[in-house]
Amino acid sequence: MGAARVFVARMAGLAVFGPDGERIGKVRDVVVSLRVDPSPPRVLGLVVELATRRRIFVPMLRITSIDPGAVTLSTGSVSLRRFTQRPNEALVIGQVVDAPVRLMESGEDAVVVDASIEQTRSRDWVVGQLAVRPRRTRLTRRTQVNVVPWSAVSGLTLSDRQGTEGLLAVFETMRPADVAAALSELPIKRQHEVVDGLDDERLADVFEEMSEADQRELLGHLGSERAADVLEAMSPDDAADLLGELPAAESDRLLALMEPEESAPVRRLLRYSADTAGGLMTPEPIILRPDATVAEALAHIANPDIPPALASMVFVCRPPAETPTGRYLGCVHHQRLLREAPFELVAGIVDSELARLTPEATLEEITRYFAAYNLVAGPVVDGEDHLLGAVTVDDVLDHLLPAGWRDEMTEPTDGYVGSGSGENRLASEVAGEVDSA
């Protein structure tokens, strides 16, 4: 892709061409996704001005080469939707250049005069270096420009440039796992401000993706009443995992503050060891009666609130349909549902031969079970044929990975964990794409 490193100021005004040499417009700026931590931000794409003066967004994935005289795209089809900047984004020329920063090593104040973008091993583009000039005073002459790594300055991260309200707006567009990773990078005071600004449902989703240490620290900040509300909004298995890490007295106090119908499944899970199927399972899989139709089953699977692993199969049981259920009859895999007529009954396609997990099954036995049957979810059934819940592969991985693995997600890598906004930006632009010709 042309040069492997490009200083952005030199790109301003460059002509942008399609693969057949047709001129599309000219470069006006570079869009980057700011991060909470000091790692280099990911380059999302270019702001290109068309001949009509309309400014559009072109993703970096569409760029074939960046040369001294021009930028070439891999396609002549671009989205003509007018570019609109998002809360977590910054324009390099318009907002980063001329921005005040502080050099981390010397503590000296400086100003950004340019920035270079470069490719990583994963083919992503990031802002790798900044050209900075120390601030002049009346007693100093014009100072020399120095090129330093992005991480060598402070003042440009998302938390530096956004207040709490801005961070909340950004976090609304991110996955819970990415919010949890970003939250752990913030100072404690800012963490508390963000947590106070999140509603209980959203905070519960984020809590489920946090490390145990972060969960305990923030749970203490919430106070007992709100902590109980957040625990009620969490999945029972995740709530049980968190309560299992607390002192017994504190765990009992929070359970007592929860609504009885919310605490009951959590109490059942706490009876089992954390590394058994009973301790790992969720008591809220998709459960249907045998007279349910395929259309009903597919409607349950299509619910966006159901995690993908749980949506991989439905479980067919006699009433009652809440765990512990009536007699467990078997399961139906989602692929089988897709092959059947919508009016068919699930009772006619149920898989009653699939082996079941007992609540006492060990982590090793569960792992072998998933590997043997190529599954991502499995039923947990007691000795009297009552379905107690389902174990999913993500719960197994959570316990197989080394302690503290969630903390390691916040460390910078070539994959740039938590930078999903680039994919969201690309998807929205592709959705509105038309032929520029």
Protein backbone atom coordinates (compact mmCIF):
# COMPACT_ATOMS: atom_id res chain seq x y z
CA MET A 1 0.00 0.00 0.00
CA GLY A 2 2.43 2.69 -1.11
CA ALA A 3 4.35 4.25 1.79
CA ALA A 4 4.37 2.33 5.08
CA ARG A 5 4.47 5.61 7.07
CA VAL A 6 2.92 8.90 6.03
CA PHE A 7 2.86 12.30 7.73
CA VAL A 8 -0.73 13.50 7.65
CA ALA A 9 -0.04 17.17 6.89
CA ARG A 10 1.45 16.09 3.56
CA MET A 11 -1.79 14.27 2.67
CA ALA A 12 -3.97 17.39 2.83
CA GLY A 13 -5.22 18.20 -0.66
CA LEU A 14 -3.97 14.96 -2.27
CA ALA A 15 -6.15 13.81 -5.16
CA VAL A 16 -8.16 10.62 -4.56
CA PHE A 17 -8.58 8.27 -7.54
CA GLY A 18 -10.58 5.13 -8.16
CA PRO A 19 -8.95 1.94 -9.49
CA ASP A 20 -9.59 2.99 -13.12
CA GLY A 21 -8.02 6.40 -12.69
CA GLU A 22 -11.27 8.32 -12.26
CA ARG A 23 -10.85 11.29 -9.91
CA ILE A 24 -13.17 11.07 -6.89
CA GLY A 25 -12.08 14.07 -4.82
CA LYS A 26 -9.28 15.25 -2.55
CA VAL A 27 -8.16 14.45 1.00
CA ARG A 28 -9.30 16.90 3.65
CA ASP A 29 -8.49 15.01 6.87
CA VAL A 30 -7.76 11.69 8.55
CA VAL A 31 -10.26 10.18 11.01
CA VAL A 32 -8.94 8.29 14.05
CA SER A 33 -10.66 6.44 16.88
CA LEU A 34 -9.42 7.79 20.21
CA ARG A 35 -8.60 5.38 23.03
CA VAL A 36 -8.91 5.69 26.78
CA ASP A 37 -5.37 4.43 27.34
CA PRO A 38 -2.22 6.02 25.82
CA SER A 39 -1.87 3.38 23.09
CA PRO A 40 -1.79 4.66 19.47
CA PRO A 41 -5.28 5.32 18.10
CA ARG A 42 -6.52 3.39 15.13
CA VAL A 43 -6.96 5.20 11.81
CA LEU A 44 -10.51 4.64 10.56
CA GLY A 45 -10.33 6.39 7.20
CA LEU A 46 -10.14 9.65 5.27
CA VAL A 47 -12.44 12.62 4.92
CA VAL A 48 -12.62 13.19 1.16
CA GLU A 49 -14.11 16.30 -0.44
CA LEU A 50 -15.95 15.67 -3.68
CA ALA A 51 -16.16 18.11 -6.59
CA THR A 52 -19.56 19.17 -5.23
CA ARG A 53 -17.87 20.25 -1.95
CA ARG A 54 -19.64 17.45 -0.08
CA ARG A 55 -17.32 15.73 2.41
CA ILE A 56 -17.63 11.96 2.72
CA PHE A 57 -15.89 9.21 4.69
CA VAL A 58 -13.68 6.61 2.95
CA PRO A 59 -12.59 3.65 5.16
CA MET A 60 -8.90 2.72 5.22
CA LEU A 61 -9.88 -0.77 4.05
CA ARG A 62 -10.84 0.79 0.71
CA ILE A 63 -7.45 2.42 0.18
CA THR A 64 -4.97 0.61 -2.06
CA SER A 65 -2.06 3.04 -1.89
CA ILE A 66 -0.97 6.36 -0.44
CA ASP A 67 1.69 7.92 -2.63
CA PRO A 68 3.30 11.40 -2.58
CA GLY A 69 1.03 12.57 -5.39
CA ALA A 70 -2.26 10.73 -4.87
CA VAL A 71 -4.40 8.28 -2.91
CA THR A 72 -5.79 5.31 -4.84
CA LEU A 73 -8.90 3.37 -3.82
CA SER A 74 -9.62 -0.29 -4.44
CA THR A 75 -13.12 0.56 -5.71
CA GLY A 76 -14.86 3.42 -7.43
CA SER A 77 -17.99 2.81 -5.35
CA VAL A 78 -18.09 4.97 -2.23
CA SER A 79 -20.78 6.11 0.17
CA LEU A 80 -22.01 9.59 -0.69
CA ARG A 81 -23.42 10.03 2.81
CA ARG A 82 -22.15 13.27 4.30
CA PHE A 83 -19.37 12.72 6.86
CA THR A 84 -20.48 13.19 10.46
CA GLN A 85 -17.94 12.94 13.25
CA ARG A 86 -18.72 10.59 16.14
CA PRO A 87 -17.98 11.23 19.83
CA ASN A 88 -15.03 8.84 20.01
CA GLU A 89 -13.40 10.15 16.83
CA ALA A 90 -10.89 12.91 16.17
CA LEU A 91 -9.72 14.62 12.99
CA VAL A 92 -5.94 14.62 12.83
CA ILE A 93 -5.52 17.86 10.85
CA GLY A 94 -8.50 19.62 12.34
CA GLN A 95 -8.15 18.61 16.00
CA VAL A 96 -4.86 16.86 16.76
CA VAL A 97 -2.49 19.18 14.89
CA ASP A 98 -2.00 22.39 16.96
CA ALA A 99 -3.35 20.61 20.06
CA PRO A 100 -1.48 21.29 23.34
CA VAL A 101 0.22 18.25 24.88
CA ARG A 102 2.67 17.50 27.64
CA LEU A 103 5.83 15.44 27.14
CA MET A 104 5.65 12.56 29.63
CA GLU A 105 9.40 12.25 30.25
CA SER A 106 10.29 15.92 30.76
CA GLY A 107 6.93 17.35 31.79
CA GLU A 108 7.43 20.07 29.19
CA ASP A 109 4.43 21.63 27.43
CA ALA A 110 4.40 21.30 23.65
CA VAL A 111 2.20 21.67 20.58
CA VAL A 112 1.54 19.02 17.92
CA VAL A 113 2.67 20.17 14.47
CA ASP A 114 2.11 16.90 12.55
CA ALA A 115 1.34 13.21 13.00
CA SER A 116 2.41 10.11 11.11
CA ILE A 117 0.17 7.14 10.32
CA GLU A 118 1.69 3.71 9.81
CA GLN A 119 0.63 0.12 9.28
CA THR A 120 0.88 -2.57 11.96
CA ARG A 121 1.56 -6.24 11.36
CA SER A 122 -2.19 -6.84 11.34
CA ARG A 123 -2.51 -4.36 8.41
CA ASP A 124 -4.37 -1.81 10.54
CA TRP A 125 -3.25 1.82 10.36
CA VAL A 126 -2.45 3.68 13.58
CA VAL A 127 -1.09 7.09 14.54
CA GLY A 128 2.42 5.96 15.48
CA GLN A 129 4.33 9.21 15.96
CA LEU A 130 3.78 12.89 16.60
CA ALA A 131 5.91 15.82 15.52
CA VAL A 132 5.84 18.23 18.47
CA ARG A 133 7.37 21.61 19.17
CA PRO A 134 7.95 22.77 22.76
CA ARG A 135 5.94 25.89 23.59
CA ARG A 136 7.78 29.18 23.08
CA THR A 137 8.07 31.80 25.77
CA ARG A 138 9.11 35.40 25.41
CA LEU A 139 12.62 34.47 26.44
CA THR A 140 13.09 31.57 24.02
CA ARG A 141 13.71 31.43 20.30
CA ARG A 142 11.71 29.25 17.95
CA THR A 143 12.22 25.71 19.25
CA GLN A 144 13.12 22.60 17.31
CA VAL A 145 10.51 20.07 16.20
CA ASN A 146 10.92 16.60 17.73
CA VAL A 147 9.31 13.37 16.56
CA VAL A 148 8.11 11.24 19.48
CA PRO A 149 5.87 8.16 19.87
CA TRP A 150 2.17 8.81 20.49
CA SER A 151 2.51 7.27 23.97
CA ALA A 152 5.23 9.80 24.89
CA VAL A 153 2.69 12.62 25.31
CA SER A 154 -0.39 13.18 27.43
CA GLY A 155 -3.48 15.19 26.62
CA LEU A 156 -4.76 13.33 23.56
CA THR A 157 -6.53 10.25 24.96
CA LEU A 158 -10.30 9.97 24.99
CA SER A 159 -10.44 10.57 28.75
CA ASP A 160 -8.24 13.67 28.36
CA ARG A 161 -10.45 15.20 25.67
CA GLN A 162 -13.88 14.08 26.88
CA GLY A 163 -15.74 14.88 30.08
CA THR A 164 -17.80 12.22 31.81
CA GLU A 165 -20.84 12.95 29.63
CA GLY A 166 -18.71 12.53 26.52
CA LEU A 167 -17.30 9.24 27.75
CA LEU A 168 -20.79 7.95 28.49
CA ALA A 169 -21.85 8.84 24.93
CA VAL A 170 -18.84 6.95 23.54
CA PHE A 171 -19.40 3.92 25.78
CA GLU A 172 -22.99 3.65 24.53
CA THR A 173 -21.59 2.71 21.10
CA MET A 174 -19.19 0.06 22.43
CA ARG A 175 -19.54 -3.58 23.38
CA PRO A 176 -19.72 -4.30 27.13
CA ALA A 177 -16.36 -6.13 27.05
CA ASP A 178 -14.71 -3.11 25.42
CA VAL A 179 -16.32 -0.73 27.92
CA ALA A 180 -15.03 -2.89 30.78
CA ALA A 181 -11.50 -2.81 29.35
CA ALA A 182 -11.63 0.95 28.77
CA LEU A 183 -13.12 1.62 32.21
CA SER A 184 -10.23 -0.17 33.92
CA GLU A 185 -7.80 2.29 32.28
CA LEU A 186 -9.49 5.36 33.77
CA PRO A 187 -8.46 6.98 37.07
CA ILE A 188 -10.55 5.74 40.00
CA LYS A 189 -12.40 9.05 40.33
CA ARG A 190 -13.40 9.02 36.65
CA GLN A 191 -14.38 5.34 36.92
CA HIS A 192 -16.78 6.20 39.71
CA GLU A 193 -18.26 9.10 37.71
CA VAL A 194 -18.88 6.86 34.69
CA VAL A 195 -20.36 4.06 36.79
CA ASP A 196 -22.71 6.56 38.46
CA GLY A 197 -23.85 7.70 35.01
CA LEU A 198 -24.64 4.24 33.62
CA ASP A 199 -28.10 2.77 34.13
CA ASP A 200 -28.40 -0.53 36.02
CA GLU A 201 -28.95 -2.70 32.92
CA ARG A 202 -25.94 -1.31 31.06
CA LEU A 203 -23.76 -1.44 34.17
CA ALA A 204 -24.77 -5.06 34.71
CA ASP A 205 -23.65 -5.92 31.17
CA VAL A 206 -20.29 -4.22 31.81
CA PHE A 207 -19.87 -5.85 35.23
CA GLU A 208 -20.20 -9.28 33.62
CA GLU A 209 -17.09 -8.55 31.52
CA MET A 210 -14.89 -7.17 34.32
CA SER A 211 -12.12 -8.86 36.23
CA GLU A 212 -12.99 -9.97 39.76
CA ALA A 213 -10.77 -7.28 41.28
CA ASP A 214 -12.51 -4.50 39.33
CA GLN A 215 -15.93 -5.93 40.16
CA ARG A 216 -15.23 -5.95 43.89
CA GLU A 217 -13.80 -2.42 43.89
CA LEU A 218 -16.72 -0.89 41.99
CA LEU A 219 -19.30 -2.92 43.89
CA GLY A 220 -18.05 -1.27 47.07
CA HIS A 221 -18.49 2.16 45.49
CA LEU A 222 -22.11 1.48 44.50
CA GLY A 223 -23.47 0.99 47.98
CA SER A 224 -25.61 -1.96 49.05
CA GLU A 225 -28.93 -0.88 47.54
CA ARG A 226 -27.65 -0.15 44.04
CA ALA A 227 -25.27 -3.12 44.15
CA ALA A 228 -28.29 -5.36 44.74
CA ASP A 229 -30.13 -3.72 41.82
CA VAL A 230 -27.15 -4.34 39.51
CA LEU A 231 -26.87 -7.95 40.67
CA GLU A 232 -30.57 -8.43 39.83
CA ALA A 233 -29.90 -7.15 36.29
CA MET A 234 -26.92 -9.50 35.79
CA SER A 235 -27.22 -13.04 34.47
CA PRO A 236 -27.76 -15.34 37.47
CA ASP A 237 -24.57 -17.30 36.76
CA ASP A 238 -22.46 -14.12 36.59
CA ALA A 239 -24.10 -12.75 39.72
CA ALA A 240 -23.37 -16.04 41.50
CA ASP A 241 -19.72 -15.92 40.41
CA LEU A 242 -19.39 -12.39 41.80
CA LEU A 243 -21.14 -13.14 45.08
CA GLY A 244 -19.05 -16.28 45.46
CA GLU A 245 -15.93 -14.10 45.59
CA LEU A 246 -17.27 -11.92 48.42
CA PRO A 247 -17.12 -12.64 52.15
CA ALA A 248 -20.12 -14.73 53.22
CA ALA A 249 -21.62 -11.95 55.35
CA GLU A 250 -21.50 -9.44 52.49
CA SER A 251 -22.87 -11.97 50.00
CA ASP A 252 -25.78 -12.82 52.32
CA ARG A 253 -26.57 -9.14 52.88
CA LEU A 254 -26.76 -8.44 49.13
CA LEU A 255 -28.86 -11.54 48.48
CA ALA A 256 -31.29 -10.39 51.17
CA LEU A 257 -31.63 -7.00 49.42
CA MET A 258 -32.44 -8.59 46.06
CA GLU A 259 -36.01 -9.37 45.04
CA PRO A 260 -36.83 -12.99 46.01
CA GLU A 261 -37.61 -14.06 42.44
CA GLU A 262 -34.22 -12.65 41.32
CA SER A 263 -32.18 -14.08 44.19
CA ALA A 264 -33.70 -17.59 44.06
CA PRO A 265 -31.79 -18.81 40.95
CA VAL A 266 -28.59 -17.22 42.25
CA ARG A 267 -28.94 -19.02 45.57
CA ARG A 268 -29.41 -22.33 43.71
CA LEU A 269 -26.21 -21.78 41.75
CA LEU A 270 -24.24 -20.91 44.87
CA ARG A 271 -24.94 -24.39 46.22
CA TYR A 272 -22.61 -25.86 43.60
CA SER A 273 -18.85 -25.65 43.35
CA ALA A 274 -17.76 -22.92 40.93
CA ASP A 275 -15.83 -25.37 38.72
CA THR A 276 -18.71 -27.82 38.15
CA ALA A 277 -21.52 -27.77 35.61
CA GLY A 278 -23.92 -26.67 38.36
CA GLY A 279 -21.72 -23.71 39.22
CA LEU A 280 -21.03 -22.77 35.58
CA MET A 281 -24.52 -23.11 34.14
CA THR A 282 -27.03 -20.40 33.42
CA PRO A 283 -30.51 -21.25 34.74
CA GLU A 284 -32.16 -19.25 31.93
CA PRO A 285 -31.65 -21.10 28.63
CA ILE A 286 -34.34 -21.18 25.93
CA ILE A 287 -36.93 -23.66 27.18
CA LEU A 288 -40.00 -24.68 25.16
CA ARG A 289 -42.89 -27.04 25.74
CA PRO A 290 -43.26 -29.94 23.27
CA ASP A 291 -46.31 -28.32 21.61
CA ALA A 292 -44.30 -25.24 20.60
CA THR A 293 -43.77 -24.71 16.87
CA VAL A 294 -40.54 -24.23 14.95
CA ALA A 295 -41.61 -20.63 14.29
CA GLU A 296 -41.83 -20.00 18.04
CA ALA A 297 -38.40 -21.53 18.57
CA LEU A 298 -36.85 -19.38 15.86
CA ALA A 299 -38.46 -16.28 17.37
CA HIS A 300 -36.76 -17.04 20.70
CA ILE A 301 -33.40 -17.62 19.00
CA ALA A 302 -33.72 -14.32 17.11
CA ASN A 303 -33.99 -12.35 20.36
CA PRO A 304 -30.91 -10.05 20.35
CA ASP A 305 -30.71 -10.27 24.16
CA ILE A 306 -29.93 -14.00 23.97
CA PRO A 307 -26.14 -14.64 23.80
CA PRO A 308 -25.07 -16.49 20.63
CA ALA A 309 -23.96 -19.61 22.51
CA LEU A 310 -27.32 -19.94 24.28
CA ALA A 311 -29.13 -19.35 20.99
CA SER A 312 -27.41 -22.37 19.44
CA MET A 313 -30.10 -24.73 20.76
CA VAL A 314 -33.47 -24.83 22.50
CA PHE A 315 -34.40 -27.29 25.23
CA VAL A 316 -37.76 -29.09 25.20
CA CYS A 317 -39.32 -29.93 28.56
CA ARG A 318 -42.65 -30.79 30.17
CA PRO A 319 -44.17 -27.97 32.27
CA PRO A 320 -43.10 -26.06 34.25
CA ALA A 321 -40.87 -24.31 31.72
CA GLU A 322 -38.72 -22.54 34.33
CA THR A 323 -35.73 -24.29 35.86
CA PRO A 324 -35.86 -26.73 37.46
CA THR A 325 -38.29 -27.84 34.77
CA GLY A 326 -40.62 -30.74 34.35
CA ARG A 327 -39.28 -33.82 32.60
CA TYR A 328 -36.49 -33.01 30.14
CA LEU A 329 -37.27 -34.42 26.67
CA GLY A 330 -34.24 -33.30 24.67
CA CYS A 331 -32.92 -30.42 22.62
CA VAL A 332 -33.22 -29.01 19.10
CA HIS A 333 -30.18 -27.49 17.39
CA HIS A 334 -30.70 -24.14 15.64
CA GLN A 335 -29.52 -25.57 12.31
CA ARG A 336 -32.24 -28.23 12.47
CA LEU A 337 -34.82 -25.53 13.15
CA LEU A 338 -33.74 -23.68 10.00
CA ARG A 339 -34.36 -26.80 7.92
CA GLU A 340 -37.90 -27.44 9.13
CA ALA A 341 -41.26 -25.91 8.20
CA PRO A 342 -42.34 -23.15 10.60
CA PHE A 343 -45.60 -24.95 11.51
CA GLU A 344 -43.87 -28.18 12.61
CA LEU A 345 -43.81 -28.98 16.34
CA VAL A 346 -40.45 -29.07 18.10
CA ALA A 347 -41.51 -32.36 19.72
CA GLY A 348 -41.18 -34.02 16.30
CA ILE A 349 -37.55 -33.00 15.76
CA VAL A 350 -36.17 -33.17 19.29
CA ASP A 351 -32.75 -34.79 19.80
CA SER A 352 -33.27 -37.06 22.79
CA GLU A 353 -30.04 -39.01 22.30
CA LEU A 354 -27.56 -36.21 23.07
CA ALA A 355 -25.66 -36.91 26.28
CA ARG A 356 -26.43 -34.68 29.26
CA LEU A 357 -24.26 -33.08 31.87
CA THR A 358 -24.87 -33.70 35.54
CA PRO A 359 -24.60 -30.72 37.90
CA GLU A 360 -21.56 -32.39 39.50
CA ALA A 361 -19.66 -32.72 36.20
CA THR A 362 -16.14 -31.33 36.53
CA LEU A 363 -14.55 -28.70 34.30
CA GLU A 364 -12.47 -31.39 32.59
CA GLU A 365 -15.57 -33.48 31.90
CA ILE A 366 -17.42 -30.47 30.50
CA THR A 367 -14.49 -29.61 28.22
CA ARG A 368 -14.37 -33.16 26.86
CA TYR A 369 -18.15 -33.07 26.38
CA PHE A 370 -18.00 -29.94 24.19
CA ALA A 371 -15.06 -31.30 22.20
CA ALA A 372 -16.67 -34.71 21.66
CA TYR A 373 -20.03 -33.40 20.46
CA ASN A 374 -18.86 -30.18 18.74
CA LEU A 375 -21.16 -28.02 20.86
CA VAL A 376 -21.15 -24.51 22.29
CA ALA A 377 -23.94 -25.23 24.81
CA GLY A 378 -25.08 -28.29 26.70
CA PRO A 379 -27.96 -29.25 29.03
CA VAL A 380 -27.45 -29.78 32.76
CA VAL A 381 -29.97 -32.36 34.01
CA ASP A 382 -30.42 -33.84 37.49
CA GLY A 383 -31.07 -37.48 38.38
CA GLU A 384 -34.85 -37.01 38.14
CA ASP A 385 -34.75 -35.67 34.56
CA HIS A 386 -35.28 -32.02 35.50
CA LEU A 387 -33.42 -29.48 33.35
CA LEU A 388 -31.46 -27.25 35.75
CA GLY A 389 -29.78 -25.01 33.19
CA ALA A 390 -27.23 -24.96 30.38
CA VAL A 391 -23.47 -24.58 30.29
CA THR A 392 -22.05 -22.49 27.44
CA VAL A 393 -18.56 -22.54 26.00
CA ASP A 394 -17.80 -18.97 27.11
CA ASP A 395 -18.32 -20.01 30.75
CA VAL A 396 -15.89 -22.89 30.25
CA LEU A 397 -13.26 -20.66 28.63
CA ASP A 398 -13.62 -18.14 31.44
CA HIS A 399 -12.50 -20.82 33.90
CA LEU A 400 -9.87 -22.40 31.64
CA LEU A 401 -8.02 -19.14 30.99
CA PRO A 402 -5.44 -18.03 33.58
CA ALA A 403 -6.53 -15.78 36.43
CA GLY A 404 -6.48 -12.11 35.42
CA TRP A 405 -6.98 -12.75 31.70
CA ARG A 406 -9.53 -9.92 31.50
CA ASP A 407 -6.91 -7.46 32.75
CA GLU A 408 -4.61 -8.50 29.90
CA MET A 409 -7.30 -7.45 27.36
CA THR A 410 -6.49 -3.82 28.16
CA GLU A 411 -2.85 -4.17 27.08
CA PRO A 412 -2.08 -2.76 23.61
CA THR A 413 -1.73 -5.35 20.86
CA ASP A 414 -1.67 -5.34 17.09
CA GLY A 415 -5.34 -6.36 17.26
CA TYR A 416 -6.28 -3.24 19.21
CA VAL A 417 -8.86 -4.77 21.51
CA GLY A 418 -11.77 -2.41 22.05
CA SER A 419 -11.47 -0.60 18.73
CA GLY A 420 -14.68 -1.97 17.29
CA SER A 421 -15.88 1.49 16.29
CA GLY A 422 -13.93 1.13 13.05
CA GLU A 423 -16.04 -1.85 12.01
CA ASN A 424 -19.21 -0.02 13.01
CA ARG A 425 -18.17 3.01 10.96
CA LEU A 426 -17.34 0.80 7.96
CA ALA A 427 -20.64 -1.09 8.20
CA SER A 428 -22.68 2.09 8.27
CA GLU A 429 -20.81 3.54 5.30
CA VAL A 430 -21.17 0.34 3.25
CA ALA A 431 -24.92 0.32 4.02
CA GLY A 432 -25.26 3.70 2.33
CA GLU A 433 -22.84 3.03 -0.48
CA VAL A 434 -23.64 4.01 -4.06
CA ASP A 435 -21.57 4.16 -7.20
CA SER A 436 -19.71 7.46 -7.23
CA ALA A 437 -19.76 7.47 -10.99
